[in-house]
Every structure is written in structure tokens, then in C-alpha cells.
């Protein structure tokens, strides 16, 4: 099997696992949150980012419309700009910040697993070991306990850093 085909199949496997592990969220991407706290805050932050990016109004980007009369209030939490950029197209197509958030959230889980798979595949040369490592990293008990925290689930950067460092 070619590398591209192997990577594609493993990527699909991780997306399917993310859907299965978080069922029934996939049925209700636009109306269900894993928690009533951080997911709703993060969906709002991503929609604020999208608004500022699409209106080309980056001046005052961190002056979010919360905690009036204070300025720089987006600095009170994560800015989630990378996640907002990933979810920008779904948000613009649907106008639903929760849909965009949930889509990015599922992709974060799958991409974290896939990044570890790439690292383990490079280090071990074994597809089976790499898939196991991806599952162990992306769907570990720690990751599953952090479901309301998108910024924690976006952990693909760590294994990717080591992957590229090794290359």
C-alpha cells in the first residue's frame, strides 16, 4: 500500500473514531455542546475572531465586546485564532458558531491522533504501532477528560514538532 493511501485510510479511521467516541455530537453539530461552559465561550471567541478577520478590522482585535468598559478583554481568555481560521469557512457558510466550533473540535481530536501516528510511523516503521500510538495519544483518558477544552485537544503541534525535528 502506498504512503498516501495509508495516510488517508488512517486519517479517515481517526475521524471515525472521533465521531464514535463523542457520539451523538456528530448528529447535532449545530445545536449540542459537550459542556455549558468552555465550549460556548470558545464558540463565541471563534465567532468574534471570524467577525474581526472578515471585516478586515484587526485594529482593536483584542477589544472584544465583553466586560465593558474595559479594553483588551479577549486577552482574558485564549484568542483561538488558529482554530477560528480552521472554522472560518464552516462559520461563514452556516452562520452557526457552535457548528464551526464542533467541527474544529472533532478535527482537533483526529488531527492530534494523526500527528502522533506520523511521528510513531517515522520512528518505528510499523503501521500497527503508529496507529496504536495515535489512538493512545488522541483518545487517551486525559484527552477524553478535557473534552470541553478545545485548546487542550489541539495538541497536534507537539508530536508534529518532534516529527519535523527528527526529519
N, C-alpha and C. Protein backbone atom coordinates (compact mmCIF):
# COMPACT_ATOMS: atom_id res chain seq x y z
N UNK A 1 0.86 -1.17 0.00
CA UNK A 1 0.00 0.00 0.00
C UNK A 1 0.91 1.24 0.00
N UNK A 2 0.56 2.23 -0.82
CA UNK A 2 1.34 3.45 -0.89
C UNK A 2 1.18 4.30 0.36
N UNK A 3 2.17 5.16 0.59
CA UNK A 3 2.12 6.01 1.80
C UNK A 3 0.91 6.93 1.81
N UNK A 4 0.59 7.53 0.65
CA UNK A 4 -0.54 8.45 0.60
C UNK A 4 -1.84 7.73 0.93
N UNK A 5 -2.00 6.54 0.38
CA UNK A 5 -3.22 5.76 0.66
C UNK A 5 -3.28 5.35 2.13
N UNK A 6 -2.14 4.91 2.67
CA UNK A 6 -2.08 4.54 4.09
C UNK A 6 -2.45 5.72 4.97
N UNK A 7 -1.87 6.89 4.70
CA UNK A 7 -2.16 8.08 5.50
C UNK A 7 -3.63 8.46 5.39
N UNK A 8 -4.19 8.37 4.20
CA UNK A 8 -5.60 8.71 4.01
C UNK A 8 -6.50 7.76 4.81
N UNK A 9 -6.21 6.47 4.75
CA UNK A 9 -7.02 5.49 5.48
C UNK A 9 -6.92 5.71 6.99
N UNK A 10 -5.72 5.98 7.46
CA UNK A 10 -5.53 6.22 8.89
C UNK A 10 -6.23 7.52 9.30
N UNK A 11 -6.15 8.54 8.46
CA UNK A 11 -6.85 9.79 8.75
C UNK A 11 -8.35 9.59 8.86
N UNK A 12 -8.90 8.82 7.95
CA UNK A 12 -10.34 8.52 8.00
C UNK A 12 -10.66 7.72 9.26
N UNK A 13 -9.81 6.78 9.61
CA UNK A 13 -10.01 6.00 10.83
C UNK A 13 -10.10 6.91 12.05
N UNK A 14 -9.19 7.89 12.14
CA UNK A 14 -9.19 8.78 13.29
C UNK A 14 -10.41 9.71 13.31
N UNK A 15 -10.87 10.13 12.15
CA UNK A 15 -12.10 10.94 12.10
C UNK A 15 -13.28 10.10 12.57
N UNK A 16 -13.37 8.87 12.09
CA UNK A 16 -14.45 7.97 12.51
C UNK A 16 -14.38 7.71 14.01
N UNK A 17 -13.18 7.49 14.53
CA UNK A 17 -13.03 7.28 15.98
C UNK A 17 -13.47 8.51 16.77
N UNK A 18 -13.13 9.69 16.28
CA UNK A 18 -13.55 10.92 16.97
C UNK A 18 -15.07 11.02 17.00
N UNK A 19 -15.70 10.66 15.91
CA UNK A 19 -17.16 10.70 15.86
C UNK A 19 -17.76 9.66 16.81
N UNK A 20 -17.23 8.45 16.79
CA UNK A 20 -17.74 7.38 17.64
C UNK A 20 -17.53 7.71 19.12
N UNK A 21 -16.34 8.22 19.45
CA UNK A 21 -16.02 8.50 20.86
C UNK A 21 -16.84 9.66 21.43
N UNK A 22 -17.41 10.48 20.56
CA UNK A 22 -18.17 11.65 21.05
C UNK A 22 -19.64 11.58 20.64
N UNK A 23 -20.09 10.41 20.22
CA UNK A 23 -21.47 10.25 19.78
C UNK A 23 -22.41 10.65 20.90
N UNK A 24 -23.46 11.35 20.70
CA UNK A 24 -24.18 11.68 19.48
C UNK A 24 -23.88 13.09 18.96
N UNK A 25 -22.76 13.68 19.35
CA UNK A 25 -22.47 15.05 18.94
C UNK A 25 -22.51 15.23 17.43
N UNK A 26 -22.04 14.28 16.66
CA UNK A 26 -21.98 14.42 15.21
C UNK A 26 -23.37 14.61 14.59
N UNK A 27 -24.39 14.11 15.26
CA UNK A 27 -25.75 14.30 14.77
C UNK A 27 -26.27 15.71 15.00
N UNK A 28 -25.64 16.43 15.94
CA UNK A 28 -26.15 17.73 16.38
C UNK A 28 -25.03 18.77 16.42
N UNK A 29 -24.23 18.85 15.38
CA UNK A 29 -23.07 19.75 15.40
C UNK A 29 -23.46 21.20 15.64
N UNK A 30 -24.61 21.59 15.17
CA UNK A 30 -25.01 22.99 15.30
C UNK A 30 -25.83 23.32 16.52
N UNK A 31 -26.13 22.32 17.35
CA UNK A 31 -27.03 22.59 18.47
C UNK A 31 -26.63 21.93 19.79
N UNK A 32 -25.53 21.19 19.81
CA UNK A 32 -25.14 20.47 21.02
C UNK A 32 -23.72 20.86 21.42
N UNK A 33 -23.52 21.06 22.70
CA UNK A 33 -22.18 21.34 23.24
C UNK A 33 -21.86 20.27 24.27
N UNK A 34 -20.58 19.95 24.41
CA UNK A 34 -20.18 18.92 25.37
C UNK A 34 -20.31 19.41 26.80
N UNK A 35 -20.43 20.71 26.96
CA UNK A 35 -20.44 21.32 28.28
C UNK A 35 -21.08 22.70 28.12
N UNK A 36 -21.66 23.24 29.15
CA UNK A 36 -22.29 24.56 29.05
C UNK A 36 -21.32 25.70 29.36
N UNK A 37 -20.06 25.40 29.61
CA UNK A 37 -19.09 26.44 29.95
C UNK A 37 -18.17 26.77 28.79
N UNK A 38 -17.01 26.16 28.79
CA UNK A 38 -15.95 26.49 27.83
C UNK A 38 -16.37 26.33 26.36
N UNK A 39 -17.09 25.29 25.96
CA UNK A 39 -17.44 25.19 24.55
C UNK A 39 -18.24 26.40 24.05
N UNK A 40 -19.15 26.89 24.85
CA UNK A 40 -19.93 28.05 24.43
C UNK A 40 -19.06 29.31 24.39
N UNK A 41 -18.18 29.46 25.37
CA UNK A 41 -17.25 30.59 25.37
C UNK A 41 -16.33 30.51 24.16
N UNK A 42 -15.79 29.33 23.89
CA UNK A 42 -14.86 29.17 22.77
C UNK A 42 -15.56 29.37 21.42
N UNK A 43 -16.81 28.93 21.31
CA UNK A 43 -17.56 29.18 20.07
C UNK A 43 -17.75 30.67 19.87
N UNK A 44 -18.04 31.39 20.95
CA UNK A 44 -18.18 32.84 20.84
C UNK A 44 -16.85 33.49 20.46
N UNK A 45 -15.75 33.06 21.09
CA UNK A 45 -14.44 33.63 20.77
C UNK A 45 -14.11 33.39 19.30
N UNK A 46 -14.36 32.18 18.81
CA UNK A 46 -14.08 31.89 17.40
C UNK A 46 -14.95 32.74 16.48
N UNK A 47 -16.20 32.99 16.87
CA UNK A 47 -17.05 33.83 16.02
C UNK A 47 -16.60 35.29 16.08
N UNK A 48 -16.12 35.74 17.24
CA UNK A 48 -15.56 37.09 17.33
C UNK A 48 -14.34 37.22 16.42
N UNK A 49 -13.46 36.23 16.48
CA UNK A 49 -12.27 36.23 15.61
C UNK A 49 -12.68 36.27 14.14
N UNK A 50 -13.65 35.44 13.78
CA UNK A 50 -14.10 35.40 12.39
C UNK A 50 -14.68 36.74 11.97
N UNK A 51 -15.44 37.36 12.85
CA UNK A 51 -16.00 38.68 12.55
C UNK A 51 -14.90 39.69 12.29
N UNK A 52 -13.90 39.73 13.16
CA UNK A 52 -12.82 40.70 13.01
C UNK A 52 -11.97 40.41 11.77
N UNK A 53 -11.77 39.14 11.48
CA UNK A 53 -10.96 38.77 10.30
C UNK A 53 -11.70 39.12 9.01
N UNK A 54 -12.98 38.81 8.96
CA UNK A 54 -13.73 39.01 7.71
C UNK A 54 -14.09 40.48 7.46
N UNK A 55 -14.12 41.28 8.51
CA UNK A 55 -14.40 42.70 8.31
C UNK A 55 -13.11 43.49 8.11
N UNK A 56 -11.98 42.80 8.06
CA UNK A 56 -10.66 43.43 7.87
C UNK A 56 -10.43 44.51 8.92
N UNK A 57 -10.94 44.27 10.10
CA UNK A 57 -10.83 45.24 11.17
C UNK A 57 -10.00 44.64 12.30
N UNK A 58 -8.71 44.47 12.04
CA UNK A 58 -7.85 43.86 13.05
C UNK A 58 -7.41 44.87 14.10
N UNK A 59 -7.59 46.15 13.81
CA UNK A 59 -7.30 47.16 14.81
C UNK A 59 -8.32 46.99 15.94
N UNK A 60 -7.85 46.82 17.14
CA UNK A 60 -8.75 46.56 18.26
C UNK A 60 -9.22 45.12 18.32
N UNK A 61 -8.47 44.21 17.70
CA UNK A 61 -8.85 42.79 17.66
C UNK A 61 -9.13 42.25 19.05
N UNK A 62 -8.31 42.64 20.04
CA UNK A 62 -8.46 42.10 21.38
C UNK A 62 -9.48 42.87 22.22
N UNK A 63 -10.09 43.89 21.65
CA UNK A 63 -11.14 44.64 22.35
C UNK A 63 -12.50 43.99 22.07
N UNK A 64 -12.66 42.80 22.57
CA UNK A 64 -13.91 42.07 22.35
C UNK A 64 -15.06 42.77 23.05
N UNK A 65 -16.26 42.48 22.57
CA UNK A 65 -17.45 43.15 23.11
C UNK A 65 -17.96 42.49 24.39
N UNK A 66 -17.05 42.32 25.34
CA UNK A 66 -17.40 41.79 26.66
C UNK A 66 -16.69 42.64 27.72
N UNK A 67 -17.20 42.62 28.91
CA UNK A 67 -16.61 43.30 30.06
C UNK A 67 -16.44 44.80 29.85
N UNK A 68 -17.45 45.42 29.25
CA UNK A 68 -17.43 46.87 29.08
C UNK A 68 -17.31 47.53 30.45
N UNK A 69 -16.56 48.52 30.62
CA UNK A 69 -15.85 49.42 29.71
C UNK A 69 -14.38 49.07 29.51
N UNK A 70 -13.96 47.87 29.88
CA UNK A 70 -12.54 47.52 29.79
C UNK A 70 -12.13 47.23 28.35
N UNK A 71 -10.85 47.42 28.09
CA UNK A 71 -10.29 47.19 26.76
C UNK A 71 -9.38 45.96 26.80
N UNK A 72 -9.14 45.37 25.65
CA UNK A 72 -8.27 44.19 25.56
C UNK A 72 -8.85 42.98 26.24
N UNK A 73 -10.16 42.88 26.28
CA UNK A 73 -10.81 41.83 27.07
C UNK A 73 -10.66 40.43 26.48
N UNK A 74 -10.33 40.33 25.19
CA UNK A 74 -10.09 39.00 24.64
C UNK A 74 -8.84 38.38 25.26
N UNK A 75 -7.97 39.22 25.80
CA UNK A 75 -6.77 38.73 26.48
C UNK A 75 -7.09 38.00 27.78
N UNK A 76 -8.33 38.09 28.25
CA UNK A 76 -8.71 37.40 29.48
C UNK A 76 -8.86 35.90 29.28
N UNK A 77 -8.86 35.46 28.03
CA UNK A 77 -9.01 34.04 27.69
C UNK A 77 -8.11 33.74 26.50
N UNK A 78 -8.19 32.53 25.97
CA UNK A 78 -7.43 32.19 24.77
C UNK A 78 -8.05 32.91 23.58
N UNK A 79 -7.22 33.33 22.64
CA UNK A 79 -7.73 34.03 21.47
C UNK A 79 -8.21 33.08 20.38
N UNK A 80 -7.72 31.85 20.34
CA UNK A 80 -8.17 30.79 19.44
C UNK A 80 -8.12 31.18 17.95
N UNK A 81 -7.17 32.01 17.56
CA UNK A 81 -7.08 32.43 16.16
C UNK A 81 -6.83 31.26 15.21
N UNK A 82 -5.90 30.34 15.51
CA UNK A 82 -5.73 29.21 14.58
C UNK A 82 -7.01 28.39 14.42
N UNK A 83 -7.71 28.14 15.51
CA UNK A 83 -8.95 27.39 15.45
C UNK A 83 -10.02 28.16 14.68
N UNK A 84 -10.05 29.48 14.88
CA UNK A 84 -11.02 30.31 14.15
C UNK A 84 -10.75 30.29 12.66
N UNK A 85 -9.48 30.28 12.27
CA UNK A 85 -9.14 30.22 10.85
C UNK A 85 -9.58 28.89 10.24
N UNK A 86 -9.41 27.80 11.00
CA UNK A 86 -9.84 26.49 10.51
C UNK A 86 -11.36 26.44 10.39
N UNK A 87 -12.06 27.03 11.34
CA UNK A 87 -13.51 27.00 11.33
C UNK A 87 -14.15 28.16 10.58
N UNK A 88 -13.35 29.00 9.93
CA UNK A 88 -13.89 30.18 9.26
C UNK A 88 -14.87 29.83 8.15
N UNK A 89 -14.49 28.91 7.27
CA UNK A 89 -15.38 28.55 6.15
C UNK A 89 -16.70 27.95 6.65
N UNK A 90 -16.67 26.96 7.57
CA UNK A 90 -17.96 26.45 8.07
C UNK A 90 -18.80 27.52 8.75
N UNK A 91 -18.15 28.44 9.47
CA UNK A 91 -18.89 29.50 10.13
C UNK A 91 -19.54 30.44 9.11
N UNK A 92 -18.78 30.80 8.08
CA UNK A 92 -19.32 31.70 7.06
C UNK A 92 -20.44 31.03 6.25
N UNK A 93 -20.31 29.73 6.01
CA UNK A 93 -21.33 29.01 5.25
C UNK A 93 -22.63 28.83 6.03
N UNK A 94 -22.52 28.60 7.33
CA UNK A 94 -23.71 28.30 8.13
C UNK A 94 -24.16 29.46 9.01
N UNK A 95 -23.23 30.33 9.38
CA UNK A 95 -23.55 31.40 10.33
C UNK A 95 -23.74 30.87 11.74
N UNK A 96 -23.36 29.63 11.96
CA UNK A 96 -23.58 28.98 13.26
C UNK A 96 -22.23 28.78 13.95
N UNK A 97 -21.93 29.57 14.98
CA UNK A 97 -20.64 29.44 15.66
C UNK A 97 -20.46 28.08 16.36
N UNK A 98 -21.53 27.50 16.86
CA UNK A 98 -21.41 26.21 17.53
C UNK A 98 -21.09 25.10 16.53
N UNK A 99 -21.66 25.18 15.33
CA UNK A 99 -21.34 24.21 14.28
C UNK A 99 -19.85 24.28 13.93
N UNK A 100 -19.35 25.49 13.72
CA UNK A 100 -17.93 25.67 13.39
C UNK A 100 -17.04 25.17 14.53
N UNK A 101 -17.41 25.50 15.76
CA UNK A 101 -16.64 25.05 16.92
C UNK A 101 -16.60 23.52 16.99
N UNK A 102 -17.76 22.88 16.87
CA UNK A 102 -17.82 21.42 16.98
C UNK A 102 -17.05 20.74 15.86
N UNK A 103 -17.09 21.29 14.67
CA UNK A 103 -16.33 20.72 13.57
C UNK A 103 -14.83 20.82 13.84
N UNK A 104 -14.38 21.97 14.29
CA UNK A 104 -12.97 22.15 14.64
C UNK A 104 -12.60 21.22 15.80
N UNK A 105 -13.50 21.07 16.73
CA UNK A 105 -13.29 20.22 17.90
C UNK A 105 -13.06 18.76 17.48
N UNK A 106 -13.91 18.25 16.59
CA UNK A 106 -13.73 16.88 16.09
C UNK A 106 -12.42 16.75 15.31
N UNK A 107 -12.13 17.73 14.48
CA UNK A 107 -10.89 17.71 13.71
C UNK A 107 -9.66 17.80 14.62
N UNK A 108 -9.78 18.51 15.73
CA UNK A 108 -8.67 18.61 16.67
C UNK A 108 -8.32 17.25 17.26
N UNK A 109 -9.34 16.50 17.62
CA UNK A 109 -9.09 15.17 18.16
C UNK A 109 -8.43 14.27 17.12
N UNK A 110 -9.00 14.27 15.91
CA UNK A 110 -8.47 13.41 14.85
C UNK A 110 -7.08 13.84 14.43
N UNK A 111 -6.83 15.14 14.35
CA UNK A 111 -5.50 15.61 13.90
C UNK A 111 -4.44 15.36 14.96
N UNK A 112 -4.79 15.42 16.24
CA UNK A 112 -3.83 15.09 17.29
C UNK A 112 -3.42 13.63 17.18
N UNK A 113 -4.40 12.76 16.97
CA UNK A 113 -4.11 11.34 16.80
C UNK A 113 -3.26 11.11 15.55
N UNK A 114 -3.61 11.80 14.46
CA UNK A 114 -2.88 11.63 13.21
C UNK A 114 -1.44 12.13 13.32
N UNK A 115 -1.24 13.22 14.03
CA UNK A 115 0.12 13.74 14.20
C UNK A 115 0.99 12.73 14.96
N UNK A 116 0.43 12.12 16.00
CA UNK A 116 1.20 11.11 16.74
C UNK A 116 1.44 9.89 15.87
N UNK A 117 0.47 9.53 15.06
CA UNK A 117 0.65 8.42 14.12
C UNK A 117 1.84 8.70 13.20
N UNK A 118 1.92 9.91 12.66
CA UNK A 118 3.04 10.25 11.77
C UNK A 118 4.39 10.12 12.48
N UNK A 119 4.44 10.63 13.71
CA UNK A 119 5.69 10.54 14.47
C UNK A 119 6.05 9.08 14.74
N UNK A 120 5.10 8.30 15.23
CA UNK A 120 5.38 6.90 15.55
C UNK A 120 5.70 6.10 14.30
N UNK A 121 5.06 6.41 13.20
CA UNK A 121 5.34 5.70 11.93
C UNK A 121 6.77 5.97 11.50
N UNK A 122 7.20 7.21 11.66
CA UNK A 122 8.57 7.56 11.28
C UNK A 122 9.59 6.89 12.20
N UNK A 123 9.29 6.85 13.49
CA UNK A 123 10.25 6.31 14.45
C UNK A 123 10.30 4.79 14.47
N UNK A 124 9.15 4.14 14.27
CA UNK A 124 9.11 2.68 14.38
C UNK A 124 9.09 1.97 13.04
N UNK A 125 8.57 2.63 12.02
CA UNK A 125 8.41 1.98 10.72
C UNK A 125 7.23 1.03 10.68
N UNK A 126 6.50 0.90 11.77
CA UNK A 126 5.38 -0.03 11.85
C UNK A 126 4.06 0.73 11.79
N UNK A 127 3.22 0.35 10.83
CA UNK A 127 1.91 0.97 10.72
C UNK A 127 1.05 0.65 11.94
N UNK A 128 1.07 -0.60 12.38
CA UNK A 128 0.24 -1.01 13.53
C UNK A 128 0.65 -0.25 14.79
N UNK A 129 1.94 -0.15 15.04
CA UNK A 129 2.41 0.58 16.22
C UNK A 129 2.04 2.06 16.12
N UNK A 130 2.13 2.61 14.91
CA UNK A 130 1.82 4.02 14.71
C UNK A 130 0.33 4.30 14.93
N UNK A 131 -0.53 3.42 14.44
CA UNK A 131 -1.98 3.59 14.65
C UNK A 131 -2.29 3.48 16.13
N UNK A 132 -1.70 2.51 16.80
CA UNK A 132 -1.90 2.37 18.24
C UNK A 132 -1.44 3.62 18.99
N UNK A 133 -0.27 4.15 18.62
CA UNK A 133 0.24 5.37 19.27
C UNK A 133 -0.71 6.54 19.03
N UNK A 134 -1.24 6.64 17.82
CA UNK A 134 -2.19 7.71 17.52
C UNK A 134 -3.45 7.61 18.37
N UNK A 135 -3.97 6.40 18.49
CA UNK A 135 -5.16 6.19 19.32
C UNK A 135 -4.85 6.49 20.78
N UNK A 136 -3.71 6.01 21.25
CA UNK A 136 -3.33 6.22 22.65
C UNK A 136 -3.15 7.70 22.97
N UNK A 137 -2.66 8.47 22.01
CA UNK A 137 -2.45 9.91 22.23
C UNK A 137 -3.73 10.71 22.03
N UNK A 138 -4.39 10.52 20.93
CA UNK A 138 -5.55 11.33 20.59
C UNK A 138 -6.81 11.02 21.38
N UNK A 139 -6.89 9.79 21.88
CA UNK A 139 -8.12 9.37 22.57
C UNK A 139 -7.82 8.81 23.96
N UNK A 140 -6.76 9.29 24.57
CA UNK A 140 -6.38 8.84 25.90
C UNK A 140 -7.41 9.31 26.93
N UNK A 141 -7.33 8.76 28.13
CA UNK A 141 -8.23 9.19 29.19
C UNK A 141 -8.04 10.67 29.50
N UNK A 142 -6.80 11.14 29.43
CA UNK A 142 -6.56 12.56 29.66
C UNK A 142 -7.29 13.40 28.62
N UNK A 143 -7.13 13.04 27.34
CA UNK A 143 -7.79 13.83 26.30
C UNK A 143 -9.31 13.76 26.44
N UNK A 144 -9.84 12.60 26.77
CA UNK A 144 -11.29 12.47 26.91
C UNK A 144 -11.79 13.27 28.13
N UNK A 145 -10.95 13.44 29.13
CA UNK A 145 -11.36 14.24 30.29
C UNK A 145 -11.29 15.74 30.00
N UNK A 146 -10.66 16.11 28.90
CA UNK A 146 -10.51 17.51 28.53
C UNK A 146 -11.43 17.92 27.38
N UNK A 147 -12.48 17.18 27.13
CA UNK A 147 -13.37 17.46 26.00
C UNK A 147 -13.89 18.89 25.96
N UNK A 148 -14.18 19.53 27.09
CA UNK A 148 -14.66 20.91 26.98
C UNK A 148 -13.57 21.93 26.60
N UNK A 149 -12.32 21.51 26.59
CA UNK A 149 -11.21 22.44 26.39
C UNK A 149 -10.56 22.26 25.02
N UNK A 150 -11.06 23.00 24.05
CA UNK A 150 -10.56 22.90 22.67
C UNK A 150 -9.06 23.14 22.60
N UNK A 151 -8.58 24.10 23.38
CA UNK A 151 -7.16 24.44 23.34
C UNK A 151 -6.28 23.28 23.80
N UNK A 152 -6.78 22.39 24.61
CA UNK A 152 -6.02 21.20 25.03
C UNK A 152 -6.10 20.13 23.94
N UNK A 153 -7.28 19.96 23.35
CA UNK A 153 -7.45 18.95 22.30
C UNK A 153 -6.62 19.27 21.05
N UNK A 154 -6.30 20.52 20.86
CA UNK A 154 -5.47 20.92 19.71
C UNK A 154 -4.01 20.66 20.05
N UNK A 155 -3.69 19.40 20.24
CA UNK A 155 -2.37 19.01 20.70
C UNK A 155 -1.53 18.37 19.59
N UNK A 156 -1.91 18.60 18.35
CA UNK A 156 -1.16 18.01 17.23
C UNK A 156 0.23 18.62 17.10
N UNK A 157 0.40 19.82 17.57
CA UNK A 157 1.68 20.51 17.41
C UNK A 157 2.84 19.83 18.11
N UNK A 158 2.58 19.20 19.22
CA UNK A 158 3.67 18.56 19.97
C UNK A 158 4.28 17.40 19.20
N UNK A 159 3.50 16.39 18.78
CA UNK A 159 4.13 15.32 18.01
C UNK A 159 4.65 15.81 16.66
N UNK A 160 3.97 16.79 16.05
CA UNK A 160 4.47 17.31 14.77
C UNK A 160 5.82 17.99 14.94
N UNK A 161 6.02 18.67 16.05
CA UNK A 161 7.32 19.29 16.31
C UNK A 161 8.43 18.25 16.34
N UNK A 162 8.18 17.16 17.04
CA UNK A 162 9.18 16.10 17.11
C UNK A 162 9.34 15.39 15.76
N UNK A 163 8.25 15.24 15.04
CA UNK A 163 8.31 14.62 13.71
C UNK A 163 9.22 15.42 12.78
N UNK A 164 9.00 16.72 12.72
CA UNK A 164 9.81 17.56 11.83
C UNK A 164 11.23 17.73 12.35
N UNK A 165 11.42 17.73 13.66
CA UNK A 165 12.75 17.77 14.23
C UNK A 165 13.54 16.52 13.85
N UNK A 166 12.87 15.38 13.88
CA UNK A 166 13.52 14.12 13.51
C UNK A 166 13.86 14.08 12.03
N UNK A 167 12.97 14.63 11.19
CA UNK A 167 13.22 14.66 9.76
C UNK A 167 14.45 15.50 9.47
